Amino acid sequence: MAAAASQSAFQKFINSPAGPKTIHFWAPAMKWALVIAGISDLQRPAEKLSLSQTASLLATGLIWTRYSMVIIPKNYSLGTVNLFVAGTSLMQMGRIFNYRMSDEYKQKQLQAAA
C-alpha cells in the first residue's frame, strides 16, 4: 500500500486499470482512426456513401458509448471516441438523407428504372 502512495503521476498512469498496459487504453486509441475516416469522408460526394455502413457505425458508436460508462473501471476514453464515431456517422447519415431527398437523386432513380 505504501508503494502505491509513493508512485509518481506517470507511474500511476502506467499501472492504472485503464492504462497503456491494458486493452482499455489501446482500443480507444486505435478507434480514433474511425473518427478520422469519418471526418475525411465529409469530402466524398454523398452519392458514394453507404447507408448501411453509416448506420452500423452509428449503432456501434452509441452502444459502445453506453457500455463504456457501465463497465468497471469506467472508460471515459472509450466513451469519448465512440461518441465521436456516433457523431461523425450521424453527420454522414444526414448527408445521405439530404441527397436522397434531392431532385438529382430522384432523377437518377427514374433514369435507372426506365
N, C-alpha and C. Protein backbone atom coordinates (compact mmCIF):
# COMPACT_ATOMS: atom_id res chain seq x y z
N MET A 1 0.82 -1.19 0.00
CA MET A 1 0.00 0.00 0.00
C MET A 1 0.86 1.25 0.00
N ALA A 2 1.96 1.21 0.75
CA ALA A 2 2.86 2.37 0.81
C ALA A 2 3.55 2.59 -0.53
N ALA A 3 3.78 1.49 -1.27
CA ALA A 3 4.43 1.62 -2.58
C ALA A 3 3.53 2.38 -3.55
N ALA A 4 2.23 2.15 -3.47
CA ALA A 4 1.29 2.83 -4.36
C ALA A 4 1.24 4.33 -4.06
N ALA A 5 1.39 4.68 -2.80
CA ALA A 5 1.34 6.09 -2.42
C ALA A 5 2.58 6.85 -2.88
N SER A 6 3.70 6.14 -3.01
CA SER A 6 4.95 6.82 -3.39
C SER A 6 5.17 6.86 -4.90
N GLN A 7 4.22 6.35 -5.69
CA GLN A 7 4.37 6.37 -7.15
C GLN A 7 4.17 7.78 -7.69
N SER A 8 4.91 8.08 -8.76
CA SER A 8 4.72 9.36 -9.43
C SER A 8 3.43 9.32 -10.24
N ALA A 9 3.00 10.46 -10.73
CA ALA A 9 1.78 10.52 -11.55
C ALA A 9 1.94 9.67 -12.80
N PHE A 10 3.13 9.67 -13.38
CA PHE A 10 3.37 8.86 -14.58
C PHE A 10 3.27 7.38 -14.26
N GLN A 11 3.84 6.95 -13.14
CA GLN A 11 3.77 5.54 -12.75
C GLN A 11 2.33 5.14 -12.45
N LYS A 12 1.58 6.03 -11.83
CA LYS A 12 0.16 5.74 -11.57
C LYS A 12 -0.60 5.56 -12.87
N PHE A 13 -0.30 6.40 -13.87
CA PHE A 13 -0.94 6.28 -15.18
C PHE A 13 -0.57 4.95 -15.83
N ILE A 14 0.70 4.60 -15.82
CA ILE A 14 1.18 3.36 -16.45
C ILE A 14 0.53 2.14 -15.80
N ASN A 15 0.39 2.15 -14.49
CA ASN A 15 -0.11 0.99 -13.76
C ASN A 15 -1.61 1.05 -13.46
N SER A 16 -2.31 2.05 -13.97
CA SER A 16 -3.75 2.17 -13.68
C SER A 16 -4.54 1.08 -14.42
N PRO A 17 -5.76 0.79 -13.94
CA PRO A 17 -6.58 -0.25 -14.59
C PRO A 17 -6.95 0.08 -16.04
N ALA A 18 -6.87 1.35 -16.41
CA ALA A 18 -7.17 1.74 -17.80
C ALA A 18 -5.92 2.32 -18.47
N GLY A 19 -4.76 1.95 -17.98
CA GLY A 19 -3.50 2.48 -18.50
C GLY A 19 -3.03 1.77 -19.76
N PRO A 20 -1.86 2.15 -20.27
CA PRO A 20 -1.38 1.62 -21.55
C PRO A 20 -0.96 0.15 -21.52
N LYS A 21 -1.04 -0.50 -20.39
CA LYS A 21 -0.76 -1.93 -20.33
C LYS A 21 -2.02 -2.75 -20.59
N THR A 22 -3.14 -2.09 -20.84
CA THR A 22 -4.42 -2.79 -20.98
C THR A 22 -5.11 -2.44 -22.30
N ILE A 23 -6.08 -3.25 -22.63
CA ILE A 23 -6.90 -3.01 -23.82
C ILE A 23 -7.78 -1.78 -23.62
N HIS A 24 -8.04 -1.42 -22.36
CA HIS A 24 -8.86 -0.24 -22.08
C HIS A 24 -8.21 1.04 -22.58
N PHE A 25 -6.92 1.01 -22.78
CA PHE A 25 -6.20 2.16 -23.33
C PHE A 25 -6.09 2.06 -24.84
N TRP A 26 -5.70 0.89 -25.34
CA TRP A 26 -5.37 0.75 -26.76
C TRP A 26 -6.60 0.69 -27.67
N ALA A 27 -7.71 0.14 -27.22
CA ALA A 27 -8.91 0.09 -28.06
C ALA A 27 -9.38 1.48 -28.45
N PRO A 28 -9.55 2.40 -27.49
CA PRO A 28 -9.96 3.75 -27.89
C PRO A 28 -8.90 4.46 -28.72
N ALA A 29 -7.64 4.22 -28.40
CA ALA A 29 -6.57 4.88 -29.16
C ALA A 29 -6.63 4.49 -30.64
N MET A 30 -6.86 3.23 -30.92
CA MET A 30 -6.93 2.77 -32.31
C MET A 30 -8.25 3.15 -32.97
N LYS A 31 -9.30 3.28 -32.18
CA LYS A 31 -10.61 3.59 -32.73
C LYS A 31 -10.70 5.02 -33.25
N TRP A 32 -9.75 5.88 -32.87
CA TRP A 32 -9.74 7.24 -33.40
C TRP A 32 -9.56 7.22 -34.91
N ALA A 33 -9.02 6.13 -35.47
CA ALA A 33 -8.89 6.02 -36.92
C ALA A 33 -10.27 6.06 -37.59
N LEU A 34 -11.29 5.49 -36.94
CA LEU A 34 -12.65 5.55 -37.50
C LEU A 34 -13.18 6.98 -37.51
N VAL A 35 -12.85 7.73 -36.49
CA VAL A 35 -13.28 9.13 -36.44
C VAL A 35 -12.59 9.92 -37.55
N ILE A 36 -11.30 9.70 -37.71
CA ILE A 36 -10.55 10.39 -38.77
C ILE A 36 -11.10 10.02 -40.14
N ALA A 37 -11.42 8.73 -40.34
CA ALA A 37 -12.00 8.30 -41.62
C ALA A 37 -13.36 8.96 -41.84
N GLY A 38 -14.17 9.05 -40.79
CA GLY A 38 -15.48 9.68 -40.91
C GLY A 38 -15.38 11.16 -41.26
N ILE A 39 -14.42 11.83 -40.66
CA ILE A 39 -14.22 13.25 -40.96
C ILE A 39 -13.70 13.43 -42.38
N SER A 40 -12.80 12.55 -42.81
CA SER A 40 -12.28 12.67 -44.18
C SER A 40 -13.35 12.33 -45.21
N ASP A 41 -14.33 11.51 -44.83
CA ASP A 41 -15.43 11.19 -45.75
C ASP A 41 -16.37 12.37 -45.97
N LEU A 42 -16.24 13.42 -45.19
CA LEU A 42 -17.05 14.61 -45.43
C LEU A 42 -16.71 15.23 -46.78
N GLN A 43 -15.55 14.90 -47.32
CA GLN A 43 -15.13 15.40 -48.64
C GLN A 43 -15.75 14.58 -49.77
N ARG A 44 -16.20 13.37 -49.48
CA ARG A 44 -16.75 12.49 -50.52
C ARG A 44 -18.14 12.96 -50.93
N PRO A 45 -18.49 12.72 -52.18
CA PRO A 45 -19.87 13.01 -52.60
C PRO A 45 -20.85 12.11 -51.83
N ALA A 46 -21.99 12.65 -51.49
CA ALA A 46 -22.97 11.89 -50.69
C ALA A 46 -23.48 10.66 -51.42
N GLU A 47 -23.46 10.68 -52.76
CA GLU A 47 -23.95 9.52 -53.51
C GLU A 47 -23.03 8.31 -53.37
N LYS A 48 -21.81 8.52 -52.92
CA LYS A 48 -20.86 7.42 -52.77
C LYS A 48 -20.80 6.88 -51.35
N LEU A 49 -21.60 7.42 -50.46
CA LEU A 49 -21.61 6.96 -49.07
C LEU A 49 -22.58 5.79 -48.92
N SER A 50 -22.24 4.87 -48.05
CA SER A 50 -23.06 3.69 -47.80
C SER A 50 -23.96 3.92 -46.59
N LEU A 51 -25.26 3.81 -46.80
CA LEU A 51 -26.20 4.00 -45.69
C LEU A 51 -26.06 2.88 -44.67
N SER A 52 -25.91 1.63 -45.12
CA SER A 52 -25.81 0.52 -44.17
C SER A 52 -24.53 0.60 -43.34
N GLN A 53 -23.44 0.97 -43.96
CA GLN A 53 -22.18 1.11 -43.21
C GLN A 53 -22.27 2.26 -42.21
N THR A 54 -22.87 3.36 -42.62
CA THR A 54 -23.01 4.51 -41.74
C THR A 54 -23.94 4.18 -40.57
N ALA A 55 -25.02 3.46 -40.85
CA ALA A 55 -25.94 3.06 -39.78
C ALA A 55 -25.25 2.11 -38.80
N SER A 56 -24.42 1.22 -39.31
CA SER A 56 -23.68 0.30 -38.44
C SER A 56 -22.72 1.05 -37.54
N LEU A 57 -22.01 2.02 -38.11
CA LEU A 57 -21.08 2.82 -37.30
C LEU A 57 -21.82 3.64 -36.25
N LEU A 58 -22.99 4.17 -36.62
CA LEU A 58 -23.79 4.93 -35.66
C LEU A 58 -24.22 4.04 -34.50
N ALA A 59 -24.75 2.86 -34.83
CA ALA A 59 -25.20 1.93 -33.78
C ALA A 59 -24.03 1.50 -32.90
N THR A 60 -22.91 1.17 -33.52
CA THR A 60 -21.72 0.77 -32.76
C THR A 60 -21.27 1.89 -31.83
N GLY A 61 -21.23 3.10 -32.35
CA GLY A 61 -20.81 4.23 -31.52
C GLY A 61 -21.71 4.43 -30.32
N LEU A 62 -23.02 4.34 -30.53
CA LEU A 62 -23.96 4.55 -29.42
C LEU A 62 -23.89 3.42 -28.40
N ILE A 63 -23.84 2.18 -28.88
CA ILE A 63 -23.79 1.02 -27.98
C ILE A 63 -22.53 1.05 -27.12
N TRP A 64 -21.38 1.26 -27.75
CA TRP A 64 -20.12 1.24 -27.01
C TRP A 64 -19.95 2.46 -26.12
N THR A 65 -20.59 3.57 -26.47
CA THR A 65 -20.56 4.73 -25.56
C THR A 65 -21.27 4.37 -24.27
N ARG A 66 -22.42 3.75 -24.40
CA ARG A 66 -23.17 3.33 -23.21
C ARG A 66 -22.38 2.29 -22.41
N TYR A 67 -21.82 1.31 -23.10
CA TYR A 67 -21.07 0.25 -22.43
C TYR A 67 -19.88 0.81 -21.65
N SER A 68 -19.21 1.79 -22.21
CA SER A 68 -18.01 2.33 -21.56
C SER A 68 -18.33 3.01 -20.23
N MET A 69 -19.58 3.41 -20.04
CA MET A 69 -19.97 4.05 -18.79
C MET A 69 -20.50 3.05 -17.77
N VAL A 70 -20.72 1.80 -18.20
CA VAL A 70 -21.26 0.78 -17.31
C VAL A 70 -20.15 -0.11 -16.75
N ILE A 71 -19.10 -0.33 -17.53
CA ILE A 71 -18.03 -1.23 -17.10
C ILE A 71 -17.24 -0.63 -15.94
N ILE A 72 -16.54 -1.50 -15.25
CA ILE A 72 -15.66 -1.06 -14.16
C ILE A 72 -14.25 -1.47 -14.54
N PRO A 73 -13.32 -0.56 -14.57
CA PRO A 73 -13.44 0.87 -14.33
C PRO A 73 -14.10 1.56 -15.51
N LYS A 74 -14.81 2.64 -15.25
CA LYS A 74 -15.42 3.41 -16.34
C LYS A 74 -14.32 3.87 -17.27
N ASN A 75 -14.57 3.72 -18.56
CA ASN A 75 -13.54 4.07 -19.54
C ASN A 75 -14.01 5.31 -20.30
N TYR A 76 -13.64 6.47 -19.81
CA TYR A 76 -14.06 7.73 -20.42
C TYR A 76 -13.43 7.93 -21.79
N SER A 77 -12.25 7.38 -21.98
CA SER A 77 -11.58 7.47 -23.28
C SER A 77 -12.38 6.71 -24.33
N LEU A 78 -12.83 5.50 -23.98
CA LEU A 78 -13.65 4.70 -24.90
C LEU A 78 -14.98 5.40 -25.16
N GLY A 79 -15.57 5.98 -24.13
CA GLY A 79 -16.82 6.70 -24.30
C GLY A 79 -16.68 7.89 -25.22
N THR A 80 -15.61 8.62 -25.06
CA THR A 80 -15.38 9.81 -25.89
C THR A 80 -15.20 9.45 -27.35
N VAL A 81 -14.35 8.47 -27.62
CA VAL A 81 -14.09 8.11 -29.02
C VAL A 81 -15.36 7.56 -29.67
N ASN A 82 -16.14 6.78 -28.94
CA ASN A 82 -17.37 6.24 -29.53
C ASN A 82 -18.44 7.30 -29.71
N LEU A 83 -18.44 8.31 -28.86
CA LEU A 83 -19.35 9.44 -29.06
C LEU A 83 -18.99 10.17 -30.35
N PHE A 84 -17.69 10.32 -30.61
CA PHE A 84 -17.26 10.94 -31.85
C PHE A 84 -17.57 10.06 -33.07
N VAL A 85 -17.44 8.73 -32.93
CA VAL A 85 -17.82 7.82 -34.02
C VAL A 85 -19.30 7.99 -34.33
N ALA A 86 -20.13 8.02 -33.30
CA ALA A 86 -21.57 8.20 -33.50
C ALA A 86 -21.86 9.57 -34.11
N GLY A 87 -21.17 10.59 -33.65
CA GLY A 87 -21.39 11.95 -34.17
C GLY A 87 -21.04 12.08 -35.64
N THR A 88 -19.88 11.55 -36.03
CA THR A 88 -19.50 11.63 -37.45
C THR A 88 -20.44 10.80 -38.30
N SER A 89 -20.89 9.66 -37.77
CA SER A 89 -21.83 8.83 -38.52
C SER A 89 -23.18 9.52 -38.67
N LEU A 90 -23.59 10.22 -37.64
CA LEU A 90 -24.86 10.96 -37.70
C LEU A 90 -24.79 12.07 -38.75
N MET A 91 -23.65 12.75 -38.83
CA MET A 91 -23.47 13.78 -39.87
C MET A 91 -23.53 13.15 -41.26
N GLN A 92 -22.88 12.01 -41.43
CA GLN A 92 -22.88 11.35 -42.74
C GLN A 92 -24.29 10.87 -43.09
N MET A 93 -25.00 10.36 -42.10
CA MET A 93 -26.36 9.90 -42.36
C MET A 93 -27.25 11.06 -42.79
N GLY A 94 -27.07 12.21 -42.18
CA GLY A 94 -27.81 13.40 -42.60
C GLY A 94 -27.50 13.78 -44.03
N ARG A 95 -26.23 13.68 -44.41
CA ARG A 95 -25.84 13.98 -45.79
C ARG A 95 -26.48 12.99 -46.76
N ILE A 96 -26.51 11.71 -46.38
CA ILE A 96 -27.12 10.69 -47.25
C ILE A 96 -28.61 10.97 -47.42
N PHE A 97 -29.31 11.24 -46.33
CA PHE A 97 -30.75 11.50 -46.42
C PHE A 97 -31.05 12.77 -47.21
N ASN A 98 -30.25 13.81 -47.02
CA ASN A 98 -30.44 15.04 -47.80
C ASN A 98 -30.25 14.77 -49.29
N TYR A 99 -29.25 13.98 -49.63
CA TYR A 99 -29.01 13.65 -51.03
C TYR A 99 -30.18 12.84 -51.60
N ARG A 100 -30.65 11.86 -50.82
CA ARG A 100 -31.73 11.00 -51.31
C ARG A 100 -33.06 11.73 -51.42
N MET A 101 -33.20 12.85 -50.75
CA MET A 101 -34.41 13.66 -50.88
C MET A 101 -34.28 14.68 -52.01
N SER A 102 -33.10 14.81 -52.58
CA SER A 102 -32.86 15.82 -53.61
C SER A 102 -33.45 15.39 -54.96
N ASP A 103 -33.65 16.37 -55.82
CA ASP A 103 -34.16 16.10 -57.17
C ASP A 103 -33.15 15.32 -57.99
N GLU A 104 -31.87 15.57 -57.78
CA GLU A 104 -30.83 14.86 -58.53
C GLU A 104 -30.93 13.35 -58.31
N TYR A 105 -31.13 12.93 -57.07
CA TYR A 105 -31.24 11.51 -56.75
C TYR A 105 -32.50 10.92 -57.38
N LYS A 106 -33.61 11.66 -57.28
CA LYS A 106 -34.87 11.17 -57.83
C LYS A 106 -34.78 11.02 -59.35
N GLN A 107 -34.09 11.94 -60.01
CA GLN A 107 -33.90 11.84 -61.47
C GLN A 107 -33.08 10.61 -61.82
N LYS A 108 -32.04 10.34 -61.07
CA LYS A 108 -31.21 9.16 -61.32
C LYS A 108 -32.01 7.88 -61.12
N GLN A 109 -32.90 7.87 -60.14
CA GLN A 109 -33.73 6.70 -59.90
C GLN A 109 -34.72 6.48 -61.05
N LEU A 110 -35.28 7.57 -61.57
CA LEU A 110 -36.20 7.46 -62.70
C LEU A 110 -35.48 6.97 -63.95
N GLN A 111 -34.27 7.47 -64.19
CA GLN A 111 -33.49 7.04 -65.35
C GLN A 111 -33.08 5.58 -65.22
N ALA A 112 -32.77 5.14 -64.03
CA ALA A 112 -32.38 3.75 -63.82
C ALA A 112 -33.56 2.81 -64.03
N ALA A 113 -34.77 3.28 -63.69
CA ALA A 113 -35.96 2.46 -63.84
C ALA A 113 -36.41 2.37 -65.30
N ALA A 114 -36.06 3.36 -66.09
CA ALA A 114 -36.52 3.39 -67.49
C ALA A 114 -35.71 2.50 -68.39
